[in-house]
Amino acid sequence: MDYAEIVETEGHLVDSQILAKIMDRVIECGAVYEVLDFRLGRTNDEFSKLKLRVQASSREVLQKTLEELVELGCYQARITDARLKPAPMDCVVPEDFYSTTNHRTFVRLDGSWIEAGKQRMDAVLIVKDNEVECRKLRDVRQGEMVVCGLQGIRIQQEYKERDRLGFAFMANEISSERRAETAVRKVAEIIRQTKAEGGRIVFVAGPVVIHTGGTAAFCEIIRKGYVDALLAGNAIAVHDIEHTLFGTSLGVDLDRGIPIEEGHKNHMRAINTVNRYGSIKGAVDAGIIRSGVMYECVKNNVPFVLAGSIRDDGPLPDTEMDLIKAQGSYATLLEDAKMVICLSSMLHSIGVGNMLPSWVRMVCVDINPAVVTKLSDRGSQQTVGVVTDVGTFLNLLSQHLWKE
């Protein structure tokens, strides 16, 4: 006996190669498909529409196939409301809970499609007062109503862009052979457009910004108002302050490129200095820290979060060592962000990518193409990559941003 279900979807299915992915996914799952109807969109604003009959030899294969297709934006033509079940305990949900992607998600309640708020991947959907919200598992409370199964779930994927300054100019083309200057020029155009539209831009930065000589350019970008928040770890702040106070980063004189005597302890001396004044802002206000990335953040009222890790020296008093609190602070500064630029910080970039909905523009800069690939592979498929030295990127970006 065969099992079958009819699914539908709409969007820029051909441009974004979603149509091919849907058909490939059905075959990969061991099922077969029959196209019942397909209407091709004829303009930039007109969506294509697809109706597909999916058939499998067992209920399990069909269910698995449908789960895969939901993530590609398909929904069952036999429309029903979503199934809701109460959470049995704090931090525990029913076994058949729906796990979110980072794509815009709608839940059918009382015959209407309700968009989920606080969209992010790896969350559950909580329904309260006819509203839907993405919630981390640790934040679920006993008795809250959880969306379960696949019925009444609809995902709207982000489609390949046609008219947004070519933001997809690097999509699926992560390569160190592309001219960095061309990529940076396009990123600068998107940054200027985002700010002109009143959008917030968040930077995620690793200590390589300091090591590669990107400090001056990054400081200029902050002063010009292109940085609305900085998300980072303990290390960038430590080495930025070390550079400000002693002219070194990891004990290396950045002007001469050579280690200096006893330079290995300069980062600890930097931490000790900040500890004396209670915080980075305290040291800035006292006139001890007079330049650098953290100085510019304080002086220009740019909020920052330093998330700690097990390998941190010190850490600085500003560094949040409670991981859950750090994640929460990151999420707060990412609210309403229109663009995120990640500068050579793999773990922080992946963490931020997991928090973002798929419609937020994301640029990842790293000398290692594997970092950009890993971020995309983990679900942040809206990420485009610039494979280059971060210091080079920042210096070029600074130059292009001043070219009106």
Protein backbone atom coordinates (compact mmCIF):
# COMPACT_ATOMS: atom_id res chain seq x y z
CA MET A 1 0.00 0.00 0.00
CA ASP A 2 1.36 3.42 -0.98
CA TYR A 3 1.09 6.50 1.19
CA ALA A 4 0.72 9.94 -0.39
CA GLU A 5 0.34 13.60 0.46
CA ILE A 6 -0.12 16.72 -1.66
CA VAL A 7 2.13 19.69 -0.85
CA GLU A 8 2.30 23.23 -2.19
CA THR A 9 4.81 26.05 -2.16
CA GLU A 10 5.37 29.43 -3.79
CA GLY A 11 8.17 31.92 -4.28
CA HIS A 12 11.05 32.60 -6.65
CA LEU A 13 11.48 28.85 -6.94
CA VAL A 14 13.54 28.75 -10.14
CA ASP A 15 15.90 31.68 -9.44
CA SER A 16 16.72 30.34 -5.99
CA GLN A 17 17.05 26.75 -7.20
CA ILE A 18 14.48 25.70 -4.61
CA LEU A 19 12.45 23.83 -7.22
CA ALA A 20 15.40 21.54 -7.98
CA LYS A 21 16.11 21.09 -4.26
CA ILE A 22 12.53 20.01 -3.59
CA MET A 23 12.59 17.38 -6.32
CA ASP A 24 16.04 16.15 -5.32
CA ARG A 25 15.02 15.92 -1.67
CA VAL A 26 12.00 13.76 -2.47
CA ILE A 27 14.21 11.29 -4.35
CA GLU A 28 16.88 11.32 -1.63
CA CYS A 29 14.26 10.37 0.96
CA GLY A 30 13.19 7.33 -1.09
CA ALA A 31 9.87 8.73 -2.26
CA VAL A 32 8.57 9.78 -5.70
CA TYR A 33 6.80 12.92 -6.85
CA GLU A 34 4.27 13.95 -9.44
CA VAL A 35 3.92 17.61 -10.47
CA LEU A 36 0.20 18.38 -10.35
CA ASP A 37 0.53 22.05 -11.20
CA PHE A 38 3.34 24.55 -11.78
CA ARG A 39 2.92 28.23 -12.62
CA LEU A 40 6.03 30.25 -13.42
CA GLY A 41 6.23 33.81 -12.11
CA ARG A 42 6.66 36.21 -15.00
CA THR A 43 7.99 39.30 -13.17
CA ASN A 44 10.34 40.14 -10.30
CA ASP A 45 7.36 40.53 -7.99
CA GLU A 46 5.31 37.55 -9.14
CA PHE A 47 5.90 34.24 -7.34
CA SER A 48 6.00 30.86 -9.02
CA LYS A 49 3.60 28.27 -7.59
CA LEU A 50 4.03 24.51 -7.30
CA LYS A 51 1.66 21.70 -6.32
CA LEU A 52 3.29 18.31 -5.85
CA ARG A 53 2.01 14.84 -5.03
CA VAL A 54 4.51 12.95 -2.90
CA GLN A 55 4.18 9.16 -2.70
CA ALA A 56 6.09 6.69 -0.53
CA SER A 57 6.00 2.98 0.20
CA SER A 58 5.65 3.46 3.95
CA ARG A 59 4.23 5.99 6.38
CA GLU A 60 7.69 6.49 7.88
CA VAL A 61 9.28 7.39 4.53
CA LEU A 62 6.44 9.77 3.73
CA GLN A 63 6.74 11.46 7.11
CA LYS A 64 10.49 11.87 6.73
CA THR A 65 10.02 13.31 3.24
CA LEU A 66 7.40 15.79 4.44
CA GLU A 67 9.68 16.92 7.26
CA GLU A 68 12.43 17.63 4.74
CA LEU A 69 10.06 19.47 2.40
CA VAL A 70 8.69 21.72 5.15
CA GLU A 71 12.20 23.11 5.63
CA LEU A 72 12.23 23.98 1.91
CA GLY A 73 9.03 25.99 2.23
CA CYS A 74 6.43 23.34 1.32
CA TYR A 75 3.20 22.94 3.25
CA GLN A 76 0.46 20.36 3.10
CA ALA A 77 -2.37 21.25 0.73
CA ARG A 78 -4.81 19.67 3.18
CA ILE A 79 -4.70 22.70 5.46
CA THR A 80 -5.37 22.12 9.15
CA ASP A 81 -4.55 24.05 12.29
CA ALA A 82 -1.30 23.30 14.09
CA ARG A 83 -1.33 20.72 16.87
CA LEU A 84 -0.57 22.11 20.32
CA LYS A 85 0.50 20.19 23.40
CA PRO A 86 1.44 21.46 26.87
CA ALA A 87 5.04 21.32 28.04
CA PRO A 88 5.16 18.59 30.73
CA MET A 89 7.97 20.25 32.73
CA ASP A 90 10.17 23.32 32.71
CA CYS A 91 12.75 22.98 29.90
CA VAL A 92 10.97 19.85 28.56
CA VAL A 93 8.60 19.65 25.56
CA PRO A 94 6.64 16.79 23.94
CA GLU A 95 8.75 14.41 21.88
CA ASP A 96 7.17 15.41 18.57
CA PHE A 97 7.89 19.14 19.02
CA TYR A 98 8.59 21.20 15.92
CA SER A 99 12.20 22.47 15.76
CA THR A 100 12.55 25.80 13.96
CA THR A 101 14.80 26.89 11.15
CA ASN A 102 15.99 30.49 10.72
CA HIS A 103 13.44 31.12 7.96
CA ARG A 104 10.26 33.15 8.43
CA THR A 105 7.73 30.72 9.95
CA PHE A 106 3.93 30.80 10.06
CA VAL A 107 1.65 28.71 12.28
CA ARG A 108 -2.03 28.13 11.46
CA LEU A 109 -4.29 28.91 14.41
CA ASP A 110 -8.10 29.04 14.20
CA GLY A 111 -7.90 29.15 10.41
CA SER A 112 -5.37 32.01 10.19
CA TRP A 113 -1.64 32.00 9.50
CA ILE A 114 0.25 33.69 12.37
CA GLU A 115 3.89 34.67 11.90
CA ALA A 116 6.25 33.55 14.64
CA GLY A 117 8.13 36.24 16.51
CA LYS A 118 11.81 36.26 17.49
CA GLN A 119 12.64 33.94 14.58
CA ARG A 120 15.79 31.87 15.01
CA MET A 121 16.94 28.32 14.38
CA ASP A 122 16.94 25.45 16.89
CA ALA A 123 14.01 26.74 18.92
CA VAL A 124 10.49 25.53 19.69
CA LEU A 125 7.27 27.38 18.91
CA ILE A 126 5.20 28.56 21.86
CA VAL A 127 1.59 29.73 21.41
CA LYS A 128 0.03 32.16 23.86
CA ASP A 129 -2.94 34.50 23.40
CA ASN A 130 -3.06 33.64 19.69
CA GLU A 131 0.55 34.74 19.22
CA VAL A 132 3.52 32.55 18.31
CA GLU A 133 7.10 32.96 19.53
CA CYS A 134 10.35 31.07 18.98
CA ARG A 135 11.71 30.01 22.35
CA LYS A 136 14.94 28.32 23.43
CA LEU A 137 14.28 24.98 25.08
CA ARG A 138 15.79 26.18 28.36
CA ASP A 139 13.22 29.00 28.52
CA VAL A 140 10.10 26.82 28.14
CA ARG A 141 7.89 26.60 31.23
CA GLN A 142 5.54 23.83 32.31
CA GLY A 143 2.07 24.12 30.81
CA GLU A 144 3.02 26.39 27.91
CA MET A 145 1.49 25.29 24.62
CA VAL A 146 4.05 23.89 22.19
CA VAL A 147 3.56 23.42 18.44
CA CYS A 148 4.04 19.74 17.59
CA GLY A 149 4.24 17.80 14.33
CA LEU A 150 4.20 19.29 10.85
CA GLN A 151 0.58 20.18 10.21
CA GLY A 152 -0.25 23.85 10.22
CA ILE A 153 3.40 24.85 9.70
CA ARG A 154 4.54 27.01 6.81
CA ILE A 155 8.05 28.33 6.11
CA GLN A 156 8.94 31.17 3.78
CA GLN A 157 12.50 30.79 2.57
CA GLU A 158 14.64 33.74 1.63
CA TYR A 159 14.97 33.79 -2.12
CA LYS A 160 17.96 34.61 -4.25
CA GLU A 161 18.03 38.35 -4.54
CA ARG A 162 17.25 40.20 -7.74
CA ASP A 163 17.37 43.87 -6.78
CA ARG A 164 19.29 44.35 -3.53
CA LEU A 165 22.68 45.64 -4.66
CA GLY A 166 23.62 42.12 -5.65
CA PHE A 167 23.97 40.94 -2.03
CA ALA A 168 24.06 37.37 -3.33
CA PHE A 169 27.08 38.25 -5.50
CA MET A 170 29.23 35.76 -3.62
CA ALA A 171 26.65 33.17 -2.65
CA ASN A 172 27.86 29.60 -3.13
CA GLU A 173 31.15 30.96 -4.52
CA ILE A 174 33.47 30.94 -1.52
CA SER A 175 36.90 31.33 -3.04
CA SER A 176 40.19 32.99 -2.23
CA GLU A 177 40.68 33.70 -5.95
CA ARG A 178 38.07 36.45 -6.14
CA ARG A 179 39.48 39.98 -6.01
CA ALA A 180 39.01 41.19 -2.45
CA GLU A 181 38.65 44.80 -3.55
CA THR A 182 35.62 44.00 -5.71
CA ALA A 183 33.93 42.18 -2.83
CA VAL A 184 34.74 44.94 -0.35
CA ARG A 185 33.38 47.62 -2.67
CA LYS A 186 30.04 45.80 -2.86
CA VAL A 187 29.96 45.32 0.92
CA ALA A 188 30.60 49.07 1.36
CA GLU A 189 27.67 49.85 -0.96
CA ILE A 190 25.37 47.61 1.07
CA ILE A 191 26.56 49.16 4.35
CA ARG A 192 25.85 52.68 3.07
CA GLN A 193 22.42 51.63 1.81
CA THR A 194 21.58 49.91 5.09
CA LYS A 195 22.47 53.02 7.10
CA ALA A 196 20.62 55.29 4.67
CA GLU A 197 17.51 53.19 5.33
CA GLY A 198 17.99 53.54 9.09
CA GLY A 199 19.11 49.93 9.56
CA ARG A 200 21.33 48.71 12.38
CA ILE A 201 24.69 47.08 11.57
CA VAL A 202 26.30 44.74 14.10
CA PHE A 203 29.93 43.65 13.92
CA VAL A 204 31.24 40.36 15.32
CA ALA A 205 35.02 40.54 15.74
CA GLY A 206 37.90 38.35 16.80
CA PRO A 207 41.39 39.35 18.03
CA VAL A 208 42.77 38.90 14.50
CA VAL A 209 41.43 42.41 13.86
CA ILE A 210 44.21 43.65 16.14
CA HIS A 211 46.91 41.15 15.12
CA THR A 212 46.55 41.97 11.40
CA GLY A 213 46.72 45.74 11.77
CA GLY A 214 43.04 46.50 11.28
CA THR A 215 42.69 48.62 14.42
CA ALA A 216 42.97 52.10 12.88
CA ALA A 217 40.55 51.33 10.06
CA PHE A 218 38.02 49.70 12.39
CA CYS A 219 38.24 52.69 14.75
CA GLU A 220 37.50 55.01 11.84
CA ILE A 221 34.50 52.90 10.83
CA ILE A 222 33.18 53.14 14.40
CA ARG A 223 33.71 56.92 14.54
CA LYS A 224 31.80 57.36 11.27
CA GLY A 225 28.74 55.66 12.79
CA TYR A 226 28.72 52.43 10.81
CA VAL A 227 28.93 50.19 13.91
CA ASP A 228 25.77 49.97 16.01
CA ALA A 229 26.99 47.17 18.28
CA LEU A 230 30.07 45.00 18.76
CA LEU A 231 29.85 41.33 19.74
CA ALA A 232 33.12 39.64 20.63
CA GLY A 233 35.06 37.62 23.14
CA ASN A 234 37.50 38.56 25.85
CA ALA A 235 40.52 38.32 23.53
CA ILE A 236 39.88 41.21 21.15
CA ALA A 237 39.39 43.62 24.04
CA VAL A 238 42.51 42.35 25.85
CA HIS A 239 44.77 42.63 22.80
CA ASP A 240 43.24 45.93 21.72
CA ILE A 241 44.03 47.41 25.14
CA GLU A 242 47.45 45.74 25.15
CA HIS A 243 48.16 47.42 21.81
CA THR A 244 46.94 50.77 23.10
CA LEU A 245 49.03 50.64 26.28
CA PHE A 246 52.17 48.87 25.08
CA GLY A 247 52.15 48.86 21.26
CA THR A 248 52.07 45.05 21.13
CA SER A 249 49.58 42.30 20.41
CA LEU A 250 50.42 38.89 21.86
CA GLY A 251 53.76 40.45 22.76
CA VAL A 252 54.61 41.31 19.16
CA ASP A 253 55.45 44.92 18.25
CA LEU A 254 52.90 45.56 15.50
CA ASP A 255 54.93 48.36 13.91
CA ARG A 256 58.10 46.29 13.57
CA GLY A 257 56.55 42.82 13.52
CA ILE A 258 58.96 41.37 16.08
CA PRO A 259 58.48 40.06 19.64
CA ILE A 260 59.73 42.37 22.37
CA GLU A 261 61.45 41.41 25.59
CA GLU A 262 58.92 40.21 28.19
CA GLY A 263 56.19 41.09 25.72
CA HIS A 264 54.47 37.81 26.56
CA LYS A 265 53.12 39.33 29.76
CA ASN A 266 51.76 42.53 28.20
CA HIS A 267 48.26 41.16 27.79
CA MET A 268 48.20 40.30 31.51
CA ARG A 269 49.46 43.79 32.31
CA ALA A 270 46.59 45.17 30.22
CA ILE A 271 44.04 43.11 32.16
CA ASN A 272 45.64 44.20 35.43
CA THR A 273 45.34 47.86 34.43
CA VAL A 274 41.65 47.56 33.57
CA ASN A 275 41.00 45.67 36.82
CA ARG A 276 42.46 48.60 38.72
CA TYR A 277 39.77 50.88 37.26
CA GLY A 278 36.93 48.38 37.49
CA SER A 279 35.96 48.31 33.82
CA ILE A 280 37.03 49.33 30.33
CA LYS A 281 34.90 52.46 30.61
CA GLY A 282 36.50 53.24 33.97
CA ALA A 283 39.95 53.11 32.40
CA VAL A 284 38.79 55.26 29.47
CA ASP A 285 37.18 57.84 31.77
CA ALA A 286 40.39 57.97 33.82
CA GLY A 287 42.38 58.77 30.69
CA ILE A 288 44.39 55.53 30.87
CA ILE A 289 43.01 54.07 27.64
CA ARG A 290 43.19 56.81 25.00
CA SER A 291 42.74 55.00 21.69
CA GLY A 292 41.75 51.69 20.14
CA VAL A 293 38.59 49.77 19.33
CA MET A 294 37.25 49.59 22.88
CA TYR A 295 38.07 53.27 23.45
CA GLU A 296 36.04 54.22 20.36
CA CYS A 297 33.13 52.05 21.47
CA VAL A 298 33.04 53.80 24.85
CA LYS A 299 33.46 57.30 23.42
CA ASN A 300 30.89 56.79 20.66
CA ASN A 301 28.34 55.00 22.89
CA VAL A 302 28.54 51.79 20.86
CA PRO A 303 27.23 48.95 23.06
CA PHE A 304 29.39 45.84 23.22
CA VAL A 305 29.21 42.36 24.72
CA LEU A 306 32.30 40.31 25.52
CA ALA A 307 31.36 36.64 25.86
CA GLY A 308 33.83 34.57 27.88
CA SER A 309 35.25 31.11 27.27
CA ILE A 310 37.24 28.52 29.19
CA ARG A 311 40.53 29.67 27.65
CA ASP A 312 40.26 33.34 28.66
CA ASP A 313 43.07 34.99 30.60
CA GLY A 314 41.82 37.30 33.32
CA PRO A 315 39.19 37.76 32.14
CA LEU A 316 38.47 41.47 31.88
CA PRO A 317 35.81 42.67 34.34
CA ASP A 318 33.52 43.48 31.38
CA THR A 319 33.62 39.89 30.10
CA GLU A 320 30.46 37.90 30.80
CA MET A 321 31.50 34.42 31.92
CA ASP A 322 27.94 33.15 32.36
CA LEU A 323 27.29 31.64 28.94
CA ILE A 324 23.51 31.87 29.12
CA LYS A 325 23.65 35.55 30.12
CA ALA A 326 26.17 36.22 27.34
CA GLN A 327 23.88 34.57 24.77
CA GLY A 328 20.99 36.65 26.03
CA SER A 329 23.00 39.86 25.76
CA TYR A 330 24.10 38.92 22.23
CA ALA A 331 20.47 38.30 21.25
CA THR A 332 19.39 41.66 22.68
CA LEU A 333 21.93 43.59 20.60
CA LEU A 334 20.97 41.59 17.49
CA GLU A 335 17.30 42.58 17.71
CA ASP A 336 16.23 44.49 14.59
CA ALA A 337 19.71 44.22 13.07
CA LYS A 338 19.60 44.54 9.29
CA MET A 339 23.20 43.51 8.62
CA VAL A 340 25.86 41.55 10.51
CA ILE A 341 29.54 41.55 9.58
CA CYS A 342 31.73 38.82 11.09
CA LEU A 343 35.47 39.43 11.24
CA SER A 344 37.53 36.28 11.70
CA SER A 345 35.87 34.75 14.74
CA MET A 346 34.56 31.31 13.90
CA LEU A 347 32.80 30.35 17.15
CA HIS A 348 31.25 33.76 17.77
CA SER A 349 30.20 33.99 14.11
CA ILE A 350 28.48 30.59 14.22
CA GLY A 351 26.82 31.51 17.51
CA VAL A 352 25.49 34.74 16.05
CA GLY A 353 24.40 32.97 12.86
CA ASN A 354 22.30 30.60 14.96
CA MET A 355 20.50 33.58 16.51
CA LEU A 356 19.65 35.39 13.29
CA PRO A 357 16.61 35.02 11.04
CA SER A 358 17.49 34.25 7.45
CA TRP A 359 16.47 37.67 6.12
CA VAL A 360 19.30 39.49 7.94
CA ARG A 361 22.23 40.22 5.61
CA MET A 362 25.35 38.48 6.88
CA VAL A 363 28.94 38.86 5.67
CA CYS A 364 31.71 36.62 6.98
CA VAL A 365 35.34 37.67 6.47
CA ASP A 366 38.10 35.15 7.11
CA ILE A 367 41.39 34.13 5.55
CA ASN A 368 40.26 30.49 5.84
CA PRO A 369 37.44 29.62 3.39
CA ALA A 370 36.48 26.64 5.59
CA VAL A 371 35.20 29.05 8.26
CA VAL A 372 32.77 30.67 5.83
CA THR A 373 31.70 27.27 4.54
CA LYS A 374 31.10 25.94 8.05
CA LEU A 375 28.89 28.90 8.92
CA SER A 376 26.78 28.33 5.81
CA ASP A 377 26.65 24.56 6.36
CA ARG A 378 25.26 25.03 9.86
CA GLY A 379 22.14 26.67 8.45
CA SER A 380 23.08 30.32 7.97
CA GLN A 381 22.71 30.05 4.23
CA GLN A 382 22.19 33.79 3.86
CA THR A 383 25.89 34.25 4.63
CA VAL A 384 28.18 35.50 1.90
CA GLY A 385 31.91 35.21 2.27
CA VAL A 386 34.96 37.35 1.67
CA VAL A 387 38.09 35.21 1.87
CA THR A 388 40.89 37.60 2.73
CA ASP A 389 43.05 38.93 5.53
CA VAL A 390 40.86 40.83 8.00
CA GLY A 391 43.27 43.74 8.28
CA THR A 392 43.26 44.11 4.50
CA PHE A 393 39.47 43.93 4.44
CA LEU A 394 39.03 46.65 7.07
CA ASN A 395 41.52 48.99 5.43
CA LEU A 396 39.83 48.58 2.05
CA LEU A 397 36.38 48.89 3.59
CA SER A 398 37.35 52.11 5.33
CA GLN A 399 38.59 53.55 2.04
CA HIS A 400 35.47 52.58 0.09
CA LEU A 401 33.09 53.87 2.76
CA TRP A 402 34.51 57.37 2.35
CA LYS A 403 33.99 57.30 -1.42
CA GLU A 404 30.53 58.76 -1.80
